[in-house]
Amino acid sequence: MMVELMSPGPREIICDPACGTAGFLVAAAEYLRDLKDGDGNLILNAPGNREHFNQEMFHGFDFDGTMLRIGSMNLMLHGIEDPKIEARDSLSEDHAGITEAFTLILANPPFKGSIEKSTIAKDLTKVISTTKTELLFIALFLRLLKIGGRAAVIVPDGVLFGSSTAHKKIREVLVEQHKLDGVISMPSGVFKPYAGVSTAVLIFTKTGAGGTDYVWFYDMEADGLSLDDKRQPVENNDIPDLLKRWQERNHQIDTDRTGKAFFVPKDEIKTNGYDLSINRYKEIEYEEVKYEPPQVILQKLRDLEDEIRADLDALEGLLG
């Protein structure tokens, strides 16, 4: 879903700074392998594109040796000849050398962690003073992206509405200094059985000069699988609708806040302390419920009492 939202092109330089088994990179490779131009020709068959795909396009960082081996193997088995999977602790000062290197970031970084303050890369702490990994990774994504580069990343819900200074600061940076394109609220079971935490997808573009006028919100309630530990296929699936609405989004038309998708102007987000939780802006329609007059309800209760009493009398007669 996230790869389709970002619709990568054949000359992207894609990075996942917490790549694990490299699932995002594989999904991007499969998307590009099937991509065709207007004449129905495979995009990768155009001059130079296949070489870029095999040599320069895919980059992943992780500090776990097992993940590095699995990620590299995964990409090679999917036909990428020379993936750049590196042993790198993305947030540490020891690996702070890479800046403005990528055009697209897809990531699901570690949540709910904190790291030793003295080990954090200094250029990240200039953006935001915190030890929380989910906030530091957003600062890292902004550092790694080229100007005009885009990102689709998964964050825990707390990033959207957390009230600490660091939470507010990183949201303000995204909205005021760059272009926050979209916030997709996901149901809490999408990562079960591994984690039950509620999450969202943030989509943003690095500009360094602002550009956020409106932010697109989508309330995703189902993903085609049950939201329990079993994750069995179910009929309800918002993903096709989400992808369609993202392609057709228009801030002048998508204004109905009772629906699944709508735009919110930047000024309103700023007024709300840069709160990005969808519940802050979504409007709920309450249907008026009509009840019968109290006298009618009382009479129905009396009739019910009479029925019960008659049944008890009949039961007593049987016992007698």
C-alpha atoms as a PDB file:
ATOM      1  CA  MET A   1       0.000   0.000   0.000  1.00  0.00           C
ATOM      2  CA  MET A   2       2.733   2.444   0.984  1.00  0.00           C
ATOM      3  CA  VAL A   3       4.783   1.729  -2.155  1.00  0.00           C
ATOM      4  CA  GLU A   4       1.716   2.328  -4.325  1.00  0.00           C
ATOM      5  CA  LEU A   5       0.994   5.566  -2.484  1.00  0.00           C
ATOM      6  CA  MET A   6       4.486   6.821  -3.281  1.00  0.00           C
ATOM      7  CA  SER A   7       4.514   5.357  -6.844  1.00  0.00           C
ATOM      8  CA  PRO A   8       8.334   5.297  -7.178  1.00  0.00           C
ATOM      9  CA  GLY A   9       9.918   6.092 -10.532  1.00  0.00           C
ATOM     10  CA  PRO A  10      12.736   4.239 -12.321  1.00  0.00           C
ATOM     11  CA  ARG A  11      15.495   6.636 -11.187  1.00  0.00           C
ATOM     12  CA  GLU A  12      14.634   6.790  -7.482  1.00  0.00           C
ATOM     13  CA  ILE A  13      17.287   6.179  -4.854  1.00  0.00           C
ATOM     14  CA  ILE A  14      15.329   4.349  -2.169  1.00  0.00           C
ATOM     15  CA  CYS A  15      16.387   3.842   1.448  1.00  0.00           C
ATOM     16  CA  ASP A  16      14.989   2.083   4.502  1.00  0.00           C
ATOM     17  CA  PRO A  17      17.157   3.163   7.475  1.00  0.00           C
ATOM     18  CA  ALA A  18      15.715   0.387   9.690  1.00  0.00           C
ATOM     19  CA  CYS A  19      15.355  -2.219   6.986  1.00  0.00           C
ATOM     20  CA  GLY A  20      15.171  -5.529   8.881  1.00  0.00           C
ATOM     21  CA  THR A  21      14.385  -8.174   6.256  1.00  0.00           C
ATOM     22  CA  ALA A  22      14.106  -5.454   3.563  1.00  0.00           C
ATOM     23  CA  GLY A  23      10.367  -5.921   2.954  1.00  0.00           C
ATOM     24  CA  PHE A  24       9.822  -2.320   1.840  1.00  0.00           C
ATOM     25  CA  LEU A  25      12.680  -2.504  -0.649  1.00  0.00           C
ATOM     26  CA  VAL A  26      11.382  -5.795  -2.072  1.00  0.00           C
ATOM     27  CA  ALA A  27       7.886  -4.312  -2.435  1.00  0.00           C
ATOM     28  CA  ALA A  28       9.334  -1.283  -4.254  1.00  0.00           C
ATOM     29  CA  ALA A  29      11.360  -3.572  -6.564  1.00  0.00           C
ATOM     30  CA  GLU A  30       8.273  -5.629  -7.438  1.00  0.00           C
ATOM     31  CA  TYR A  31       6.269  -2.467  -8.120  1.00  0.00           C
ATOM     32  CA  LEU A  32       8.945  -1.092 -10.460  1.00  0.00           C
ATOM     33  CA  ARG A  33       9.445  -4.410 -12.232  1.00  0.00           C
ATOM     34  CA  ASP A  34       5.805  -4.316 -13.404  1.00  0.00           C
ATOM     35  CA  LEU A  35       5.694  -0.576 -14.177  1.00  0.00           C
ATOM     36  CA  LYS A  36       4.954   0.345 -17.815  1.00  0.00           C
ATOM     37  CA  ASP A  37       5.156   3.574 -19.778  1.00  0.00           C
ATOM     38  CA  GLY A  38       2.358   5.095 -21.849  1.00  0.00           C
ATOM     39  CA  ASP A  39       3.105   2.775 -24.771  1.00  0.00           C
ATOM     40  CA  GLY A  40       2.899  -0.384 -22.641  1.00  0.00           C
ATOM     41  CA  ASN A  41       6.670  -0.946 -22.497  1.00  0.00           C
ATOM     42  CA  LEU A  42       8.336  -1.957 -19.238  1.00  0.00           C
ATOM     43  CA  ILE A  43       9.942   1.123 -17.669  1.00  0.00           C
ATOM     44  CA  LEU A  44      13.004  -0.866 -16.615  1.00  0.00           C
ATOM     45  CA  ASN A  45      13.779  -1.691 -20.256  1.00  0.00           C
ATOM     46  CA  ALA A  46      14.493   1.970 -21.037  1.00  0.00           C
ATOM     47  CA  PRO A  47      18.216   2.803 -21.442  1.00  0.00           C
ATOM     48  CA  GLY A  48      20.068   2.917 -18.126  1.00  0.00           C
ATOM     49  CA  ASN A  49      17.087   2.071 -15.947  1.00  0.00           C
ATOM     50  CA  ARG A  50      17.914  -1.617 -15.460  1.00  0.00           C
ATOM     51  CA  GLU A  51      21.522  -0.782 -14.464  1.00  0.00           C
ATOM     52  CA  HIS A  52      20.299   1.819 -11.963  1.00  0.00           C
ATOM     53  CA  PHE A  53      17.762  -0.687 -10.587  1.00  0.00           C
ATOM     54  CA  ASN A  54      20.441  -3.336 -10.014  1.00  0.00           C
ATOM     55  CA  GLN A  55      23.304  -1.149  -8.792  1.00  0.00           C
ATOM     56  CA  GLU A  56      22.179   2.145  -7.253  1.00  0.00           C
ATOM     57  CA  MET A  57      18.515   2.141  -6.341  1.00  0.00           C
ATOM     58  CA  PHE A  58      18.181   0.102  -3.133  1.00  0.00           C
ATOM     59  CA  HIS A  59      19.790   1.001   0.203  1.00  0.00           C
ATOM     60  CA  GLY A  60      19.090  -0.399   3.655  1.00  0.00           C
ATOM     61  CA  PHE A  61      20.631   0.084   7.107  1.00  0.00           C
ATOM     62  CA  ASP A  62      20.455  -2.165  10.143  1.00  0.00           C
ATOM     63  CA  PHE A  63      22.721  -2.954  13.098  1.00  0.00           C
ATOM     64  CA  ASP A  64      21.637  -6.579  13.511  1.00  0.00           C
ATOM     65  CA  GLY A  65      23.940  -8.966  11.624  1.00  0.00           C
ATOM     66  CA  THR A  66      21.202 -11.544  11.103  1.00  0.00           C
ATOM     67  CA  MET A  67      18.878  -8.935   9.601  1.00  0.00           C
ATOM     68  CA  LEU A  68      21.642  -7.740   7.288  1.00  0.00           C
ATOM     69  CA  ARG A  69      22.156 -11.244   5.931  1.00  0.00           C
ATOM     70  CA  ILE A  70      18.428 -11.921   5.541  1.00  0.00           C
ATOM     71  CA  GLY A  71      17.798  -8.511   3.946  1.00  0.00           C
ATOM     72  CA  SER A  72      20.633  -8.919   1.433  1.00  0.00           C
ATOM     73  CA  MET A  73      19.535 -12.446   0.578  1.00  0.00           C
ATOM     74  CA  ASN A  74      15.909 -11.352   0.227  1.00  0.00           C
ATOM     75  CA  LEU A  75      16.782  -8.627  -2.290  1.00  0.00           C
ATOM     76  CA  MET A  76      19.143 -10.842  -4.278  1.00  0.00           C
ATOM     77  CA  LEU A  77      16.516 -13.586  -4.454  1.00  0.00           C
ATOM     78  CA  HIS A  78      14.151 -10.958  -5.866  1.00  0.00           C
ATOM     79  CA  GLY A  79      16.564 -10.198  -8.684  1.00  0.00           C
ATOM     80  CA  ILE A  80      18.472  -7.144  -7.438  1.00  0.00           C
ATOM     81  CA  GLU A  81      22.085  -7.809  -8.282  1.00  0.00           C
ATOM     82  CA  ASP A  82      23.866  -5.392  -5.937  1.00  0.00           C
ATOM     83  CA  PRO A  83      21.690  -4.094  -3.089  1.00  0.00           C
ATOM     84  CA  LYS A  84      23.461  -1.720  -0.695  1.00  0.00           C
ATOM     85  CA  ILE A  85      22.576  -3.217   2.700  1.00  0.00           C
ATOM     86  CA  GLU A  86      24.911  -1.715   5.297  1.00  0.00           C
ATOM     87  CA  ALA A  87      25.720  -2.378   8.935  1.00  0.00           C
ATOM     88  CA  ARG A  88      24.789   0.997  10.375  1.00  0.00           C
ATOM     89  CA  ASP A  89      23.223   2.233  13.600  1.00  0.00           C
ATOM     90  CA  SER A  90      21.167   4.918  11.911  1.00  0.00           C
ATOM     91  CA  LEU A  91      20.754   7.212  14.922  1.00  0.00           C
ATOM     92  CA  SER A  92      24.286   7.116  16.312  1.00  0.00           C
ATOM     93  CA  GLU A  93      26.983   9.767  15.999  1.00  0.00           C
ATOM     94  CA  ASP A  94      29.313   7.069  14.624  1.00  0.00           C
ATOM     95  CA  HIS A  95      27.265   6.838  11.422  1.00  0.00           C
ATOM     96  CA  ALA A  96      26.235  10.457  10.929  1.00  0.00           C
ATOM     97  CA  GLY A  97      28.006  10.921   7.598  1.00  0.00           C
ATOM     98  CA  ILE A  98      25.134  10.375   5.138  1.00  0.00           C
ATOM     99  CA  THR A  99      23.073  13.466   4.297  1.00  0.00           C
ATOM    100  CA  GLU A 100      20.723  14.335   1.424  1.00  0.00           C
ATOM    101  CA  ALA A 101      21.422  11.075  -0.401  1.00  0.00           C
ATOM    102  CA  PHE A 102      17.997   9.587  -1.201  1.00  0.00           C
ATOM    103  CA  THR A 103      14.875  10.522  -3.139  1.00  0.00           C
ATOM    104  CA  LEU A 104      12.492   8.156  -1.347  1.00  0.00           C
ATOM    105  CA  ILE A 105      12.349   6.677   2.144  1.00  0.00           C
ATOM    106  CA  LEU A 106      10.017   3.841   3.132  1.00  0.00           C
ATOM    107  CA  ALA A 107      10.336   2.748   6.749  1.00  0.00           C
ATOM    108  CA  ASN A 108       8.770   1.177   9.799  1.00  0.00           C
ATOM    109  CA  PRO A 109      11.316   2.228  12.444  1.00  0.00           C
ATOM    110  CA  PRO A 110      11.481   0.937  16.040  1.00  0.00           C
ATOM    111  CA  PHE A 111       8.831   2.360  18.373  1.00  0.00           C
ATOM    112  CA  LYS A 112       8.659   2.969  22.079  1.00  0.00           C
ATOM    113  CA  GLY A 113      12.405   2.879  22.567  1.00  0.00           C
ATOM    114  CA  SER A 114      14.903   5.354  23.897  1.00  0.00           C
ATOM    115  CA  ILE A 115      18.660   5.474  23.490  1.00  0.00           C
ATOM    116  CA  GLU A 116      21.589   6.879  25.434  1.00  0.00           C
ATOM    117  CA  LYS A 117      21.702  10.622  24.834  1.00  0.00           C
ATOM    118  CA  SER A 118      25.492  10.747  24.446  1.00  0.00           C
ATOM    119  CA  THR A 119      25.405   8.328  21.478  1.00  0.00           C
ATOM    120  CA  ILE A 120      22.816  10.224  19.386  1.00  0.00           C
ATOM    121  CA  ALA A 121      24.077  11.977  16.246  1.00  0.00           C
ATOM    122  CA  LYS A 122      24.539  15.684  17.016  1.00  0.00           C
ATOM    123  CA  ASP A 123      22.828  16.868  13.842  1.00  0.00           C
ATOM    124  CA  LEU A 124      19.675  15.027  14.963  1.00  0.00           C
ATOM    125  CA  THR A 125      19.674  16.588  18.427  1.00  0.00           C
ATOM    126  CA  LYS A 126      19.891  20.015  16.781  1.00  0.00           C
ATOM    127  CA  VAL A 127      16.552  19.306  15.116  1.00  0.00           C
ATOM    128  CA  ILE A 128      14.934  17.783  18.192  1.00  0.00           C
ATOM    129  CA  SER A 129      16.091  17.230  21.762  1.00  0.00           C
ATOM    130  CA  THR A 130      14.844  13.791  22.770  1.00  0.00           C
ATOM    131  CA  THR A 131      15.958  10.198  23.321  1.00  0.00           C
ATOM    132  CA  LYS A 132      12.758   8.676  21.860  1.00  0.00           C
ATOM    133  CA  THR A 133      13.581   6.626  18.770  1.00  0.00           C
ATOM    134  CA  GLU A 134      10.276   7.255  16.972  1.00  0.00           C
ATOM    135  CA  LEU A 135      10.933  11.020  17.013  1.00  0.00           C
ATOM    136  CA  LEU A 136      14.643  10.795  16.227  1.00  0.00           C
ATOM    137  CA  PHE A 137      13.936   8.658  13.184  1.00  0.00           C
ATOM    138  CA  ILE A 138      11.743  11.412  11.689  1.00  0.00           C
ATOM    139  CA  ALA A 139      14.641  13.856  12.104  1.00  0.00           C
ATOM    140  CA  LEU A 140      16.893  11.230  10.501  1.00  0.00           C
ATOM    141  CA  PHE A 141      14.577  10.806   7.500  1.00  0.00           C
ATOM    142  CA  LEU A 142      14.712  14.555   6.916  1.00  0.00           C
ATOM    143  CA  ARG A 143      18.515  14.463   7.040  1.00  0.00           C
ATOM    144  CA  LEU A 144      18.795  11.526   4.630  1.00  0.00           C
ATOM    145  CA  LEU A 145      16.396  12.886   1.992  1.00  0.00           C
ATOM    146  CA  LYS A 146      17.459  15.120  -0.860  1.00  0.00           C
ATOM    147  CA  ILE A 147      15.508  18.344  -1.287  1.00  0.00           C
ATOM    148  CA  GLY A 148      12.290  17.276  -2.992  1.00  0.00           C
ATOM    149  CA  GLY A 149      12.685  13.740  -1.649  1.00  0.00           C
ATOM    150  CA  ARG A 150       9.616  11.990  -0.285  1.00  0.00           C
ATOM    151  CA  ALA A 151       8.906   9.646   2.617  1.00  0.00           C
ATOM    152  CA  ALA A 152       6.138   7.291   3.719  1.00  0.00           C
ATOM    153  CA  VAL A 153       6.821   6.044   7.238  1.00  0.00           C
ATOM    154  CA  ILE A 154       4.932   4.267   9.998  1.00  0.00           C
ATOM    155  CA  VAL A 155       4.778   5.964  13.391  1.00  0.00           C
ATOM    156  CA  PRO A 156       2.986   5.113  16.650  1.00  0.00           C
ATOM    157  CA  ASP A 157      -0.098   7.224  17.292  1.00  0.00           C
ATOM    158  CA  GLY A 158       1.659   9.059  20.117  1.00  0.00           C
ATOM    159  CA  VAL A 159       3.775  10.909  17.561  1.00  0.00           C
ATOM    160  CA  LEU A 160       0.581  12.482  16.186  1.00  0.00           C
ATOM    161  CA  PHE A 161      -0.728  13.961  19.433  1.00  0.00           C
ATOM    162  CA  GLY A 162       1.992  13.648  22.116  1.00  0.00           C
ATOM    163  CA  SER A 163       2.098  16.778  24.249  1.00  0.00           C
ATOM    164  CA  SER A 164       5.799  16.847  25.157  1.00  0.00           C
ATOM    165  CA  THR A 165       7.972  19.624  23.768  1.00  0.00           C
ATOM    166  CA  ALA A 166       9.818  17.145  21.533  1.00  0.00           C
ATOM    167  CA  HIS A 167       6.584  15.715  20.071  1.00  0.00           C
ATOM    168  CA  LYS A 168       5.237  19.185  19.266  1.00  0.00           C
ATOM    169  CA  LYS A 169       8.567  20.295  17.825  1.00  0.00           C
ATOM    170  CA  ILE A 170       8.919  17.453  15.311  1.00  0.00           C
ATOM    171  CA  ARG A 171       5.330  17.975  14.117  1.00  0.00           C
ATOM    172  CA  GLU A 172       5.978  21.701  13.771  1.00  0.00           C
ATOM    173  CA  VAL A 173       9.152  20.976  11.766  1.00  0.00           C
ATOM    174  CA  LEU A 174       7.208  18.731   9.364  1.00  0.00           C
ATOM    175  CA  VAL A 175       4.368  21.219   8.895  1.00  0.00           C
ATOM    176  CA  GLU A 176       6.263  24.524   8.868  1.00  0.00           C
ATOM    177  CA  GLN A 177       9.687  23.688   7.415  1.00  0.00           C
ATOM    178  CA  HIS A 178       8.701  20.931   4.987  1.00  0.00           C
ATOM    179  CA  LYS A 179       5.553  19.683   3.247  1.00  0.00           C
ATOM    180  CA  LEU A 180       3.394  17.266   5.204  1.00  0.00           C
ATOM    181  CA  ASP A 181       1.289  15.584   2.520  1.00  0.00           C
ATOM    182  CA  GLY A 182      -0.846  13.063   4.371  1.00  0.00           C
ATOM    183  CA  VAL A 183      -1.694  11.263   7.605  1.00  0.00           C
ATOM    184  CA  ILE A 184      -3.298   7.817   7.372  1.00  0.00           C
ATOM    185  CA  SER A 185      -4.761   6.574  10.635  1.00  0.00           C
ATOM    186  CA  MET A 186      -4.592   2.759  10.816  1.00  0.00           C
ATOM    187  CA  PRO A 187      -6.511   0.376  13.122  1.00  0.00           C
ATOM    188  CA  SER A 188      -4.631  -0.939  16.147  1.00  0.00           C
ATOM    189  CA  GLY A 189      -4.547  -4.584  15.015  1.00  0.00           C
ATOM    190  CA  VAL A 190      -2.598  -4.224  11.760  1.00  0.00           C
ATOM    191  CA  PHE A 191       0.666  -5.437  13.332  1.00  0.00           C
ATOM    192  CA  LYS A 192      -0.790  -8.239  15.415  1.00  0.00           C
ATOM    193  CA  PRO A 193       0.231 -10.729  16.675  1.00  0.00           C
ATOM    194  CA  TYR A 194       3.570  -8.907  17.063  1.00  0.00           C
ATOM    195  CA  ALA A 195       2.280  -5.599  18.434  1.00  0.00           C
ATOM    196  CA  GLY A 196      -1.098  -4.105  19.261  1.00  0.00           C
ATOM    197  CA  VAL A 197      -0.017  -0.453  19.222  1.00  0.00           C
ATOM    198  CA  SER A 198      -2.105   1.975  17.164  1.00  0.00           C
ATOM    199  CA  THR A 199      -0.140   3.364  14.246  1.00  0.00           C
ATOM    200  CA  ALA A 200      -0.342   5.828  11.380  1.00  0.00           C
ATOM    201  CA  VAL A 201       1.432   6.451   8.095  1.00  0.00           C
ATOM    202  CA  LEU A 202       3.035   9.870   7.671  1.00  0.00           C
ATOM    203  CA  ILE A 203       3.680  11.010   4.106  1.00  0.00           C
ATOM    204  CA  PHE A 204       5.888  14.068   3.660  1.00  0.00           C
ATOM    205  CA  THR A 205       8.221  15.829   1.239  1.00  0.00           C
ATOM    206  CA  LYS A 206      11.502  17.447   2.272  1.00  0.00           C
ATOM    207  CA  THR A 207      11.558  21.054   1.063  1.00  0.00           C
ATOM    208  CA  GLY A 208      13.497  22.975   3.716  1.00  0.00           C
ATOM    209  CA  ALA A 209      11.227  25.907   2.920  1.00  0.00           C
ATOM    210  CA  GLY A 210       7.733  24.887   4.022  1.00  0.00           C
ATOM    211  CA  GLY A 211       4.993  24.185   1.514  1.00  0.00           C
ATOM    212  CA  THR A 212       2.284  22.653   3.695  1.00  0.00           C
ATOM    213  CA  ASP A 213      -1.005  24.318   2.794  1.00  0.00           C
ATOM    214  CA  TYR A 214      -3.392  21.433   3.407  1.00  0.00           C
ATOM    215  CA  VAL A 215      -2.880  17.995   4.977  1.00  0.00           C
ATOM    216  CA  TRP A 216      -4.807  14.974   3.669  1.00  0.00           C
ATOM    217  CA  PHE A 217      -6.263  12.684   6.341  1.00  0.00           C
ATOM    218  CA  TYR A 218      -7.654   9.183   5.847  1.00  0.00           C
ATOM    219  CA  ASP A 219      -9.439   7.095   8.457  1.00  0.00           C
ATOM    220  CA  MET A 220      -8.499   3.491   7.628  1.00  0.00           C
ATOM    221  CA  GLU A 221     -10.638   1.049   9.617  1.00  0.00           C
ATOM    222  CA  ALA A 222      -9.922  -2.284   7.873  1.00  0.00           C
ATOM    223  CA  ASP A 223      -7.109  -3.747   5.778  1.00  0.00           C
ATOM    224  CA  GLY A 224      -8.662  -6.962   4.481  1.00  0.00           C
ATOM    225  CA  LEU A 225      -7.619  -9.048   7.495  1.00  0.00           C
ATOM    226  CA  SER A 226      -9.167  -9.551  10.917  1.00  0.00           C
ATOM    227  CA  LEU A 227      -7.709  -7.270  13.583  1.00  0.00           C
ATOM    228  CA  ASP A 228      -7.048 -10.053  16.105  1.00  0.00           C
ATOM    229  CA  ASP A 229      -4.011 -12.296  16.552  1.00  0.00           C
ATOM    230  CA  LYS A 230      -5.166 -14.683  13.806  1.00  0.00           C
ATOM    231  CA  ARG A 231      -5.304 -12.041  11.018  1.00  0.00           C
ATOM    232  CA  GLN A 232      -7.662 -14.095   8.862  1.00  0.00           C
ATOM    233  CA  PRO A 233      -8.882 -12.664   5.506  1.00  0.00           C
ATOM    234  CA  VAL A 234     -12.113 -10.654   5.839  1.00  0.00           C
ATOM    235  CA  GLU A 235     -14.283  -8.763   3.388  1.00  0.00           C
ATOM    236  CA  ASN A 236     -13.767  -5.255   4.776  1.00  0.00           C
ATOM    237  CA  ASN A 237     -10.755  -3.581   3.178  1.00  0.00           C
ATOM    238  CA  ASP A 238     -10.199   0.177   2.919  1.00  0.00           C
ATOM    239  CA  ILE A 239      -6.902  -0.054   1.011  1.00  0.00           C
ATOM    240  CA  PRO A 240      -8.333   0.040  -2.559  1.00  0.00           C
ATOM    241  CA  ASP A 241     -10.496   3.039  -1.590  1.00  0.00           C
ATOM    242  CA  LEU A 242      -7.543   4.716   0.112  1.00  0.00           C
ATOM    243  CA  LEU A 243      -5.301   4.355  -2.963  1.00  0.00           C
ATOM    244  CA  LYS A 244      -8.053   5.645  -5.271  1.00  0.00           C
ATOM    245  CA  ARG A 245      -8.783   8.664  -3.103  1.00  0.00           C
ATOM    246  CA  TRP A 246      -5.088   9.476  -2.732  1.00  0.00           C
ATOM    247  CA  GLN A 247      -4.725   9.574  -6.541  1.00  0.00           C
ATOM    248  CA  GLU A 248      -7.818  11.757  -6.912  1.00  0.00           C
ATOM    249  CA  ARG A 249      -7.303  13.994  -3.867  1.00  0.00           C
ATOM    250  CA  ASN A 250      -8.270  17.643  -4.228  1.00  0.00           C
ATOM    251  CA  HIS A 251      -8.297  20.058  -1.297  1.00  0.00           C
ATOM    252  CA  GLN A 252     -11.162  22.038  -2.862  1.00  0.00           C
ATOM    253  CA  ILE A 253     -13.407  18.976  -3.144  1.00  0.00           C
ATOM    254  CA  ASP A 254     -12.392  16.738  -0.193  1.00  0.00           C
ATOM    255  CA  THR A 255     -13.886  18.877   2.556  1.00  0.00           C
ATOM    256  CA  ASP A 256     -16.501  16.530   4.069  1.00  0.00           C
ATOM    257  CA  ARG A 257     -15.099  15.680   7.492  1.00  0.00           C
ATOM    258  CA  THR A 258     -17.735  13.057   8.191  1.00  0.00           C
ATOM    259  CA  GLY A 259     -16.227  10.860   5.448  1.00  0.00           C
ATOM    260  CA  LYS A 260     -13.103   8.711   5.390  1.00  0.00           C
ATOM    261  CA  ALA A 261     -10.855  11.178   3.553  1.00  0.00           C
ATOM    262  CA  PHE A 262     -10.632  14.953   3.906  1.00  0.00           C
ATOM    263  CA  PHE A 263      -8.203  17.868   3.891  1.00  0.00           C
ATOM    264  CA  VAL A 264      -7.407  20.134   6.836  1.00  0.00           C
ATOM    265  CA  PRO A 265      -5.823  23.563   6.240  1.00  0.00           C
ATOM    266  CA  LYS A 266      -2.429  24.213   7.818  1.00  0.00           C
ATOM    267  CA  ASP A 267      -3.665  27.169   9.878  1.00  0.00           C
ATOM    268  CA  GLU A 268      -6.174  24.962  11.692  1.00  0.00           C
ATOM    269  CA  ILE A 269      -3.470  22.384  12.449  1.00  0.00           C
ATOM    270  CA  LYS A 270      -1.234  25.159  13.777  1.00  0.00           C
ATOM    271  CA  THR A 271      -4.055  26.486  15.967  1.00  0.00           C
ATOM    272  CA  ASN A 272      -4.439  22.986  17.439  1.00  0.00           C
ATOM    273  CA  GLY A 273      -0.785  22.835  18.514  1.00  0.00           C
ATOM    274  CA  TYR A 274       0.169  20.820  15.404  1.00  0.00           C
ATOM    275  CA  ASP A 275      -2.014  17.935  16.602  1.00  0.00           C
ATOM    276  CA  LEU A 276      -2.199  15.394  13.747  1.00  0.00           C
ATOM    277  CA  SER A 277      -4.641  12.872  15.242  1.00  0.00           C
ATOM    278  CA  ILE A 278      -7.605  12.365  12.929  1.00  0.00           C
ATOM    279  CA  ASN A 279     -10.090  12.478  15.813  1.00  0.00           C
ATOM    280  CA  ARG A 280      -9.202  16.134  16.354  1.00  0.00           C
ATOM    281  CA  TYR A 281     -10.627  17.023  12.930  1.00  0.00           C
ATOM    282  CA  LYS A 282     -13.079  14.269  11.961  1.00  0.00           C
ATOM    283  CA  GLU A 283     -16.742  15.089  12.490  1.00  0.00           C
ATOM    284  CA  ILE A 284     -19.065  12.365  13.674  1.00  0.00           C
ATOM    285  CA  GLU A 285     -22.675  12.355  12.526  1.00  0.00           C
ATOM    286  CA  TYR A 286     -25.079  11.520  15.306  1.00  0.00           C
ATOM    287  CA  GLU A 287     -28.386  10.034  14.201  1.00  0.00           C
ATOM    288  CA  GLU A 288     -31.396  11.177  16.149  1.00  0.00           C
ATOM    289  CA  VAL A 289     -33.032   8.253  17.933  1.00  0.00           C
ATOM    290  CA  LYS A 290     -36.801   8.496  18.394  1.00  0.00           C
ATOM    291  CA  TYR A 291     -38.392   6.790  21.371  1.00  0.00           C
ATOM    292  CA  GLU A 292     -42.028   5.988  22.038  1.00  0.00           C
ATOM    293  CA  PRO A 293     -43.892   8.157  24.568  1.00  0.00           C
ATOM    294  CA  PRO A 294     -43.298   7.136  28.223  1.00  0.00           C
ATOM    295  CA  GLN A 295     -46.934   6.071  28.651  1.00  0.00           C
ATOM    296  CA  VAL A 296     -46.641   3.570  25.770  1.00  0.00           C
ATOM    297  CA  ILE A 297     -43.393   2.155  27.194  1.00  0.00           C
ATOM    298  CA  LEU A 298     -44.980   1.799  30.654  1.00  0.00           C
ATOM    299  CA  GLN A 299     -48.007   0.008  29.181  1.00  0.00           C
ATOM    300  CA  LYS A 300     -45.688  -2.437  27.336  1.00  0.00           C
ATOM    301  CA  LEU A 301     -43.908  -3.150  30.631  1.00  0.00           C
ATOM    302  CA  ARG A 302     -47.265  -3.793  32.352  1.00  0.00           C
ATOM    303  CA  ASP A 303     -48.322  -6.141  29.541  1.00  0.00           C
ATOM    304  CA  LEU A 304     -45.012  -7.985  29.900  1.00  0.00           C
ATOM    305  CA  GLU A 305     -45.532  -8.253  33.667  1.00  0.00           C
ATOM    306  CA  ASP A 306     -49.019  -9.706  33.065  1.00  0.00           C
ATOM    307  CA  GLU A 307     -47.612 -12.320  30.667  1.00  0.00           C
ATOM    308  CA  ILE A 308     -44.958 -13.337  33.193  1.00  0.00           C
ATOM    309  CA  ARG A 309     -47.549 -13.582  35.974  1.00  0.00           C
ATOM    310  CA  ALA A 310     -49.848 -15.723  33.784  1.00  0.00           C
ATOM    311  CA  ASP A 311     -46.945 -18.067  32.953  1.00  0.00           C
ATOM    312  CA  LEU A 312     -46.047 -18.371  36.657  1.00  0.00           C
ATOM    313  CA  ASP A 313     -49.722 -19.155  37.498  1.00  0.00           C
ATOM    314  CA  ALA A 314     -49.756 -21.843  34.780  1.00  0.00           C
ATOM    315  CA  LEU A 315     -46.500 -23.317  36.134  1.00  0.00           C
ATOM    316  CA  GLU A 316     -47.887 -23.345  39.653  1.00  0.00           C
ATOM    317  CA  GLY A 317     -50.997 -25.154  38.381  1.00  0.00           C
ATOM    318  CA  LEU A 318     -48.840 -27.854  36.820  1.00  0.00           C
ATOM    319  CA  LEU A 319     -46.942 -28.342  40.093  1.00  0.00           C
ATOM    320  CA  GLY A 320     -50.171 -28.530  42.110  1.00  0.00           C
END
